PDB file of N, CA and C in Angstrom:
ATOM      1  N   GLY A   1     145.057-111.991 138.838  1.00  0.00           N
ATOM      2  CA  GLY A   1     146.134-111.943 139.376  1.00  0.00           C
ATOM      3  C   GLY A   1     145.692-111.825 140.483  1.00  0.00           C
ATOM      4  N   GLN A   2     146.712-112.562 141.411  1.00  0.00           N
ATOM      5  CA  GLN A   2     146.897-112.232 142.946  1.00  0.00           C
ATOM      6  C   GLN A   2     146.573-110.946 143.135  1.00  0.00           C
ATOM      7  N   ASP A   3     147.791-110.129 142.177  1.00  0.00           N
ATOM      8  CA  ASP A   3     147.454-108.732 142.838  1.00  0.00           C
ATOM      9  C   ASP A   3     146.168-107.925 142.110  1.00  0.00           C
ATOM     10  N   LEU A   4     145.501-108.097 141.593  1.00  0.00           N
ATOM     11  CA  LEU A   4     143.787-107.740 141.862  1.00  0.00           C
ATOM     12  C   LEU A   4     142.894-108.386 142.215  1.00  0.00           C
ATOM     13  N   ALA A   5     143.179-109.309 142.979  1.00  0.00           N
ATOM     14  CA  ALA A   5     141.697-109.747 144.484  1.00  0.00           C
ATOM     15  C   ALA A   5     142.057-108.592 144.943  1.00  0.00           C
ATOM     16  N   GLY A   6     140.428-108.470 145.450  1.00  0.00           N
ATOM     17  CA  GLY A   6     139.999-107.659 145.766  1.00  0.00           C
ATOM     18  C   GLY A   6     140.338-105.702 146.396  1.00  0.00           C
ATOM     19  N   LYS A   7     140.777-106.353 144.922  1.00  0.00           N
ATOM     20  CA  LYS A   7     140.902-104.674 143.912  1.00  0.00           C
ATOM     21  C   LYS A   7     140.064-104.105 143.031  1.00  0.00           C
ATOM     22  N   ILE A   8     139.229-105.015 142.164  1.00  0.00           N
ATOM     23  CA  ILE A   8     137.833-104.352 141.268  1.00  0.00           C
ATOM     24  C   ILE A   8     137.047-104.208 141.478  1.00  0.00           C
ATOM     25  N   HIS A   9     136.203-103.121 142.043  1.00  0.00           N
ATOM     26  CA  HIS A   9     134.500-102.386 142.275  1.00  0.00           C
ATOM     27  C   HIS A   9     134.201-102.344 140.953  1.00  0.00           C
ATOM     28  N   VAL A  10     132.779-101.993 140.082  1.00  0.00           N
ATOM     29  CA  VAL A  10     132.031-101.873 138.978  1.00  0.00           C
ATOM     30  C   VAL A  10     131.181-101.454 139.559  1.00  0.00           C
ATOM     31  N   TYR A  11     130.464-100.075 138.935  1.00  0.00           N
ATOM     32  CA  TYR A  11     129.515 -99.857 140.041  1.00  0.00           C
ATOM     33  C   TYR A  11     128.739 -98.650 138.253  1.00  0.00           C
ATOM     34  N   THR A  12     127.765 -99.914 137.776  1.00  0.00           N
ATOM     35  CA  THR A  12     127.212 -99.702 136.677  1.00  0.00           C
ATOM     36  C   THR A  12     125.662 -99.408 136.766  1.00  0.00           C
ATOM     37  N   GLY A  13     124.777 -98.399 135.830  1.00  0.00           N
ATOM     38  CA  GLY A  13     123.353 -98.652 135.660  1.00  0.00           C
ATOM     39  C   GLY A  13     122.492 -99.710 135.349  1.00  0.00           C
ATOM     40  N   GLU A  14     122.303-100.288 135.305  1.00  0.00           N
ATOM     41  CA  GLU A  14     120.884-101.197 134.729  1.00  0.00           C
ATOM     42  C   GLU A  14     120.735-100.807 133.771  1.00  0.00           C
ATOM     43  N   MET A  15     120.164 -99.571 133.174  1.00  0.00           N
ATOM     44  CA  MET A  15     119.936 -99.103 131.769  1.00  0.00           C
ATOM     45  C   MET A  15     121.216 -98.522 131.533  1.00  0.00           C
ATOM     46  N   ASP A  16     122.645 -99.006 131.408  1.00  0.00           N
ATOM     47  CA  ASP A  16     123.368 -97.276 130.208  1.00  0.00           C
ATOM     48  C   ASP A  16     123.379 -97.179 129.143  1.00  0.00           C
ATOM     49  N   ASN A  17     123.154 -96.397 129.394  1.00  0.00           N
ATOM     50  CA  ASN A  17     122.925 -95.384 127.665  1.00  0.00           C
ATOM     51  C   ASN A  17     123.966 -96.124 126.612  1.00  0.00           C
ATOM     52  N   PHE A  18     125.006 -96.659 126.815  1.00  0.00           N
ATOM     53  CA  PHE A  18     125.674 -97.149 126.111  1.00  0.00           C
ATOM     54  C   PHE A  18     125.330 -98.940 125.964  1.00  0.00           C
ATOM     55  N   TYR A  19     124.837 -98.761 126.579  1.00  0.00           N
ATOM     56  CA  TYR A  19     124.797-100.351 127.356  1.00  0.00           C
ATOM     57  C   TYR A  19     125.810-101.298 127.955  1.00  0.00           C
ATOM     58  N   LEU A  20     127.290-100.210 127.383  1.00  0.00           N
ATOM     59  CA  LEU A  20     127.829-100.350 128.559  1.00  0.00           C
ATOM     60  C   LEU A  20     127.708-102.261 129.899  1.00  0.00           C
ATOM     61  N   ASN A  21     126.252-102.139 130.111  1.00  0.00           N
ATOM     62  CA  ASN A  21     126.292-102.763 131.339  1.00  0.00           C
ATOM     63  C   ASN A  21     125.968-104.430 131.130  1.00  0.00           C
ATOM     64  N   LEU A  22     125.403-104.604 129.722  1.00  0.00           N
ATOM     65  CA  LEU A  22     125.958-105.323 129.632  1.00  0.00           C
ATOM     66  C   LEU A  22     127.166-106.373 129.009  1.00  0.00           C
ATOM     67  N   ALA A  23     129.004-105.662 128.968  1.00  0.00           N
ATOM     68  CA  ALA A  23     129.278-106.213 129.243  1.00  0.00           C
ATOM     69  C   ALA A  23     130.249-106.246 130.413  1.00  0.00           C
ATOM     70  N   VAL A  24     129.218-105.347 131.360  1.00  0.00           N
ATOM     71  CA  VAL A  24     129.519-105.750 132.610  1.00  0.00           C
ATOM     72  C   VAL A  24     129.100-106.380 133.381  1.00  0.00           C
ATOM     73  N   TYR A  25     128.464-106.873 133.283  1.00  0.00           N
ATOM     74  CA  TYR A  25     128.018-108.460 133.087  1.00  0.00           C
ATOM     75  C   TYR A  25     128.737-109.872 132.858  1.00  0.00           C
ATOM     76  N   MET A  26     128.709-109.417 132.377  1.00  0.00           N
ATOM     77  CA  MET A  26     130.015-110.723 131.725  1.00  0.00           C
ATOM     78  C   MET A  26     131.159-110.657 131.725  1.00  0.00           C
ATOM     79  N   MET A  27     131.541-109.575 132.291  1.00  0.00           N
ATOM     80  CA  MET A  27     133.019-108.817 133.312  1.00  0.00           C
ATOM     81  C   MET A  27     133.401-109.652 134.421  1.00  0.00           C
ATOM     82  N   GLU A  28     131.198-110.190 134.970  1.00  0.00           N
ATOM     83  CA  GLU A  28     131.120-110.233 136.619  1.00  0.00           C
ATOM     84  C   GLU A  28     131.319-111.993 136.323  1.00  0.00           C
ATOM     85  N   ASP A  29     130.404-112.456 135.245  1.00  0.00           N
ATOM     86  CA  ASP A  29     130.344-113.642 135.156  1.00  0.00           C
ATOM     87  C   ASP A  29     131.235-114.316 134.699  1.00  0.00           C
ATOM     88  N   PHE A  30     132.838-113.622 134.275  1.00  0.00           N
ATOM     89  CA  PHE A  30     133.856-114.043 134.019  1.00  0.00           C
ATOM     90  C   PHE A  30     134.164-114.565 135.669  1.00  0.00           C
ATOM     91  N   LEU A  31     134.514-113.228 135.626  1.00  0.00           N
ATOM     92  CA  LEU A  31     135.239-113.551 136.860  1.00  0.00           C
ATOM     93  C   LEU A  31     134.862-113.948 138.725  1.00  0.00           C
ATOM     94  N   LYS A  32     134.002-114.634 138.283  1.00  0.00           N
ATOM     95  CA  LYS A  32     133.122-115.599 139.343  1.00  0.00           C
ATOM     96  C   LYS A  32     133.755-116.680 139.321  1.00  0.00           C
ATOM     97  N   SER A  33     134.239-116.998 137.549  1.00  0.00           N
ATOM     98  CA  SER A  33     134.582-118.102 137.269  1.00  0.00           C
ATOM     99  C   SER A  33     135.691-118.099 137.869  1.00  0.00           C
ATOM    100  N   THR A  34     137.159-117.575 137.336  1.00  0.00           N
ATOM    101  CA  THR A  34     138.306-117.360 137.961  1.00  0.00           C
ATOM    102  C   THR A  34     137.930-118.342 139.555  1.00  0.00           C
ATOM    103  N   ALA A  35     139.106-119.179 139.971  1.00  0.00           N
ATOM    104  CA  ALA A  35     139.462-119.926 141.053  1.00  0.00           C
ATOM    105  C   ALA A  35     141.102-120.049 142.243  1.00  0.00           C
ATOM    106  N   ASP A  36     141.871-119.828 140.923  1.00  0.00           N
ATOM    107  CA  ASP A  36     143.169-119.031 141.242  1.00  0.00           C
ATOM    108  C   ASP A  36     143.851-118.298 140.832  1.00  0.00           C
ATOM    109  N   PRO A  37     143.723-117.017 141.575  1.00  0.00           N
ATOM    110  CA  PRO A  37     143.084-117.316 143.531  1.00  0.00           C
ATOM    111  C   PRO A  37     141.964-116.049 142.884  1.00  0.00           C
ATOM    112  N   ARG A  38     140.208-116.741 143.718  1.00  0.00           N
ATOM    113  CA  ARG A  38     139.570-115.674 142.758  1.00  0.00           C
ATOM    114  C   ARG A  38     139.502-114.649 142.852  1.00  0.00           C
ATOM    115  N   ALA A  39     139.281-113.303 142.611  1.00  0.00           N
ATOM    116  CA  ALA A  39     138.958-112.542 142.167  1.00  0.00           C
ATOM    117  C   ALA A  39     138.258-111.020 143.095  1.00  0.00           C
ATOM    118  N   GLU A  40     137.266-111.543 143.358  1.00  0.00           N
ATOM    119  CA  GLU A  40     136.629-111.393 145.329  1.00  0.00           C
ATOM    120  C   GLU A  40     136.078-109.943 144.536  1.00  0.00           C
ATOM    121  N   ALA A  41     135.626-109.091 143.375  1.00  0.00           N
ATOM    122  CA  ALA A  41     135.839-108.486 142.736  1.00  0.00           C
ATOM    123  C   ALA A  41     134.571-107.536 143.342  1.00  0.00           C
ATOM    124  N   VAL A  42     133.700-106.528 143.511  1.00  0.00           N
ATOM    125  CA  VAL A  42     132.921-106.476 143.582  1.00  0.00           C
ATOM    126  C   VAL A  42     131.697-105.424 142.576  1.00  0.00           C
ATOM    127  N   PHE A  43     130.396-105.750 142.675  1.00  0.00           N
ATOM    128  CA  PHE A  43     129.960-105.463 140.998  1.00  0.00           C
ATOM    129  C   PHE A  43     128.659-104.668 142.284  1.00  0.00           C
ATOM    130  N   GLU A  44     127.816-103.435 141.827  1.00  0.00           N
ATOM    131  CA  GLU A  44     126.624-102.753 142.463  1.00  0.00           C
ATOM    132  C   GLU A  44     125.711-102.833 141.071  1.00  0.00           C
ATOM    133  N   TYR A  45     124.588-102.658 140.845  1.00  0.00           N
ATOM    134  CA  TYR A  45     124.262-101.889 139.754  1.00  0.00           C
ATOM    135  C   TYR A  45     122.703-101.166 140.735  1.00  0.00           C
ATOM    136  N   GLY A  46     122.905 -99.771 139.169  1.00  0.00           N
ATOM    137  CA  GLY A  46     121.972 -98.739 139.517  1.00  0.00           C
ATOM    138  C   GLY A  46     120.531 -99.855 139.234  1.00  0.00           C
ATOM    139  N   ARG A  47     119.675 -99.828 140.141  1.00  0.00           N
ATOM    140  CA  ARG A  47     118.293-100.126 139.218  1.00  0.00           C
ATOM    141  C   ARG A  47     117.888 -99.626 140.427  1.00  0.00           C
ATOM    142  N   PRO A  48     116.131 -99.652 139.921  1.00  0.00           N
ATOM    143  CA  PRO A  48     116.286 -99.997 138.891  1.00  0.00           C
ATOM    144  C   PRO A  48     116.073 -98.778 137.870  1.00  0.00           C
ATOM    145  N   MET A  49     116.378-100.031 136.897  1.00  0.00           N
ATOM    146  CA  MET A  49     116.533 -98.711 135.341  1.00  0.00           C
ATOM    147  C   MET A  49     117.148 -97.310 135.005  1.00  0.00           C
ATOM    148  N   LYS A  50     118.189 -97.396 136.347  1.00  0.00           N
ATOM    149  CA  LYS A  50     119.644 -96.385 136.291  1.00  0.00           C
ATOM    150  C   LYS A  50     120.407 -95.505 135.096  1.00  0.00           C
ATOM    151  N   PRO A  51     121.089 -94.267 134.947  1.00  0.00           N
ATOM    152  CA  PRO A  51     121.525 -94.656 133.316  1.00  0.00           C
ATOM    153  C   PRO A  51     122.595 -94.777 133.466  1.00  0.00           C
ATOM    154  N   HIS A  52     123.651 -94.537 132.610  1.00  0.00           N
ATOM    155  CA  HIS A  52     124.979 -94.267 132.521  1.00  0.00           C
ATOM    156  C   HIS A  52     125.782 -92.675 133.698  1.00  0.00           C
ATOM    157  N   GLY A  53     126.997 -93.647 134.721  1.00  0.00           N
ATOM    158  CA  GLY A  53     126.899 -92.604 135.130  1.00  0.00           C
ATOM    159  C   GLY A  53     126.650 -92.546 136.567  1.00  0.00           C
ATOM    160  N   TRP A  54     125.601 -93.718 136.233  1.00  0.00           N
ATOM    161  CA  TRP A  54     125.522 -94.155 137.941  1.00  0.00           C
ATOM    162  C   TRP A  54     126.581 -94.204 138.846  1.00  0.00           C
ATOM    163  N   GLN A  55     126.832 -94.400 140.909  1.00  0.00           N
ATOM    164  CA  GLN A  55     127.337 -94.800 140.963  1.00  0.00           C
ATOM    165  C   GLN A  55     126.559 -94.589 142.708  1.00  0.00           C
ATOM    166  N   PRO A  56     126.663 -95.667 143.421  1.00  0.00           N
ATOM    167  CA  PRO A  56     126.189 -95.659 144.639  1.00  0.00           C
ATOM    168  C   PRO A  56     126.438 -94.497 145.736  1.00  0.00           C
ATOM    169  N   PHE A  57     127.168 -93.818 145.398  1.00  0.00           N
ATOM    170  CA  PHE A  57     127.416 -92.705 146.666  1.00  0.00           C
ATOM    171  C   PHE A  57     128.392 -91.436 146.113  1.00  0.00           C
ATOM    172  N   THR A  58     128.567 -90.544 146.208  1.00  0.00           N
ATOM    173  CA  THR A  58     128.710 -89.214 146.171  1.00  0.00           C
ATOM    174  C   THR A  58     130.407 -89.103 145.298  1.00  0.00           C
ATOM    175  N   ASN A  59     130.844 -88.755 144.216  1.00  0.00           N
ATOM    176  CA  ASN A  59     132.322 -88.361 144.599  1.00  0.00           C
ATOM    177  C   ASN A  59     133.379 -87.958 145.605  1.00  0.00           C
ATOM    178  N   ALA A  60     132.267 -87.074 146.524  1.00  0.00           N
ATOM    179  CA  ALA A  60     133.443 -86.551 147.837  1.00  0.00           C
ATOM    180  C   ALA A  60     133.061 -88.088 148.337  1.00  0.00           C
ATOM    181  N   GLU A  61     131.895 -89.372 148.424  1.00  0.00           N
ATOM    182  CA  GLU A  61     132.388 -90.301 149.102  1.00  0.00           C
ATOM    183  C   GLU A  61     133.680 -91.675 148.816  1.00  0.00           C
ATOM    184  N   LEU A  62     133.911 -91.050 147.653  1.00  0.00           N
ATOM    185  CA  LEU A  62     134.433 -91.559 146.994  1.00  0.00           C
ATOM    186  C   LEU A  62     135.680 -91.718 147.014  1.00  0.00           C
ATOM    187  N   VAL A  63     135.534 -90.550 147.470  1.00  0.00           N
ATOM    188  CA  VAL A  63     137.927 -89.544 147.190  1.00  0.00           C
ATOM    189  C   VAL A  63     137.574 -91.198 148.929  1.00  0.00           C
ATOM    190  N   ARG A  64     137.237 -90.408 149.851  1.00  0.00           N
ATOM    191  CA  ARG A  64     137.102 -90.516 151.432  1.00  0.00           C
ATOM    192  C   ARG A  64     137.203 -91.978 151.712  1.00  0.00           C
ATOM    193  N   MET A  65     136.556 -93.330 151.158  1.00  0.00           N
ATOM    194  CA  MET A  65     136.978 -94.477 150.339  1.00  0.00           C
ATOM    195  C   MET A  65     138.224 -94.959 149.606  1.00  0.00           C
ATOM    196  N   MET A  66     138.771 -93.784 149.122  1.00  0.00           N
ATOM    197  CA  MET A  66     140.070 -93.968 148.401  1.00  0.00           C
ATOM    198  C   MET A  66     141.404 -93.876 148.577  1.00  0.00           C
ATOM    199  N   ALA A  67     140.957 -92.736 149.173  1.00  0.00           N
ATOM    200  CA  ALA A  67     141.479 -91.923 150.258  1.00  0.00           C
ATOM    201  C   ALA A  67     141.995 -93.468 151.581  1.00  0.00           C
ATOM    202  N   GLU A  68     140.944 -93.649 152.271  1.00  0.00           N
ATOM    203  CA  GLU A  68     141.173 -94.745 153.554  1.00  0.00           C
ATOM    204  C   GLU A  68     142.022 -96.372 153.409  1.00  0.00           C
ATOM    205  N   ARG A  69     141.591 -96.243 152.320  1.00  0.00           N
ATOM    206  CA  ARG A  69     142.118 -97.226 151.441  1.00  0.00           C
ATOM    207  C   ARG A  69     143.555 -97.251 151.369  1.00  0.00           C
ATOM    208  N   MET A  70     144.282 -95.784 150.874  1.00  0.00           N
ATOM    209  CA  MET A  70     145.768 -95.893 150.468  1.00  0.00           C
ATOM    210  C   MET A  70     146.255 -95.593 151.939  1.00  0.00           C
ATOM    211  N   ASN A  71     145.926 -95.487 152.618  1.00  0.00           N
ATOM    212  CA  ASN A  71     146.456 -94.781 154.231  1.00  0.00           C
ATOM    213  C   ASN A  71     146.125 -96.486 154.382  1.00  0.00           C
ATOM    214  N   LYS A  72     144.857 -97.488 154.364  1.00  0.00           N
ATOM    215  CA  LYS A  72     144.919 -98.580 155.214  1.00  0.00           C
ATOM    216  C   LYS A  72     146.432 -99.497 154.640  1.00  0.00           C
ATOM    217  N   HIS A  73     146.472 -98.828 153.038  1.00  0.00           N
ATOM    218  CA  HIS A  73     147.690-100.083 152.883  1.00  0.00           C
ATOM    219  C   HIS A  73     149.289 -99.136 153.043  1.00  0.00           C
ATOM    220  N   ALA A  74     149.013 -98.434 153.115  1.00  0.00           N
ATOM    221  CA  ALA A  74     150.504 -97.481 152.797  1.00  0.00           C
ATOM    222  C   ALA A  74     150.774 -97.657 154.259  1.00  0.00           C
ATOM    223  N   ALA A  75     150.155 -97.546 155.965  1.00  0.00           N
ATOM    224  CA  ALA A  75     150.919 -98.461 156.803  1.00  0.00           C
ATOM    225  C   ALA A  75     150.955 -99.522 157.013  1.00  0.00           C
ATOM    226  N   ALA A  76     151.134-100.236 156.645  1.00  0.00           N
ATOM    227  CA  ALA A  76     151.010-102.158 156.248  1.00  0.00           C
ATOM    228  C   ALA A  76     152.091-101.708 155.523  1.00  0.00           C
ATOM    229  N   ALA A  77     152.501-101.250 154.290  1.00  0.00           N
ATOM    230  CA  ALA A  77     153.661-101.424 153.248  1.00  0.00           C
ATOM    231  C   ALA A  77     154.507-100.968 154.090  1.00  0.00           C
ATOM    232  N   ARG A  78     154.569-100.293 155.214  1.00  0.00           N
ATOM    233  CA  ARG A  78     155.434 -99.724 156.184  1.00  0.00           C
ATOM    234  C   ARG A  78     156.684-100.153 156.702  1.00  0.00           C
TER     235      ARG A  78
END
């Protein structure tokens, strides 16, 4: 729904050790098919052949990105 639009970010290795990448491909296809509202989800795959736990940035970078987003949206809500 609208509450999740632009808030879904999925990062996975192309060759997940638990084959979770297959479910991510299905989720991406489903979310691309939604129209009202569009999910506007971000999917990024670790290629070539990255395993489970792959992410395109360090944990510190992820925390900074999350803090920036929270601060931006908290300021807009005030």
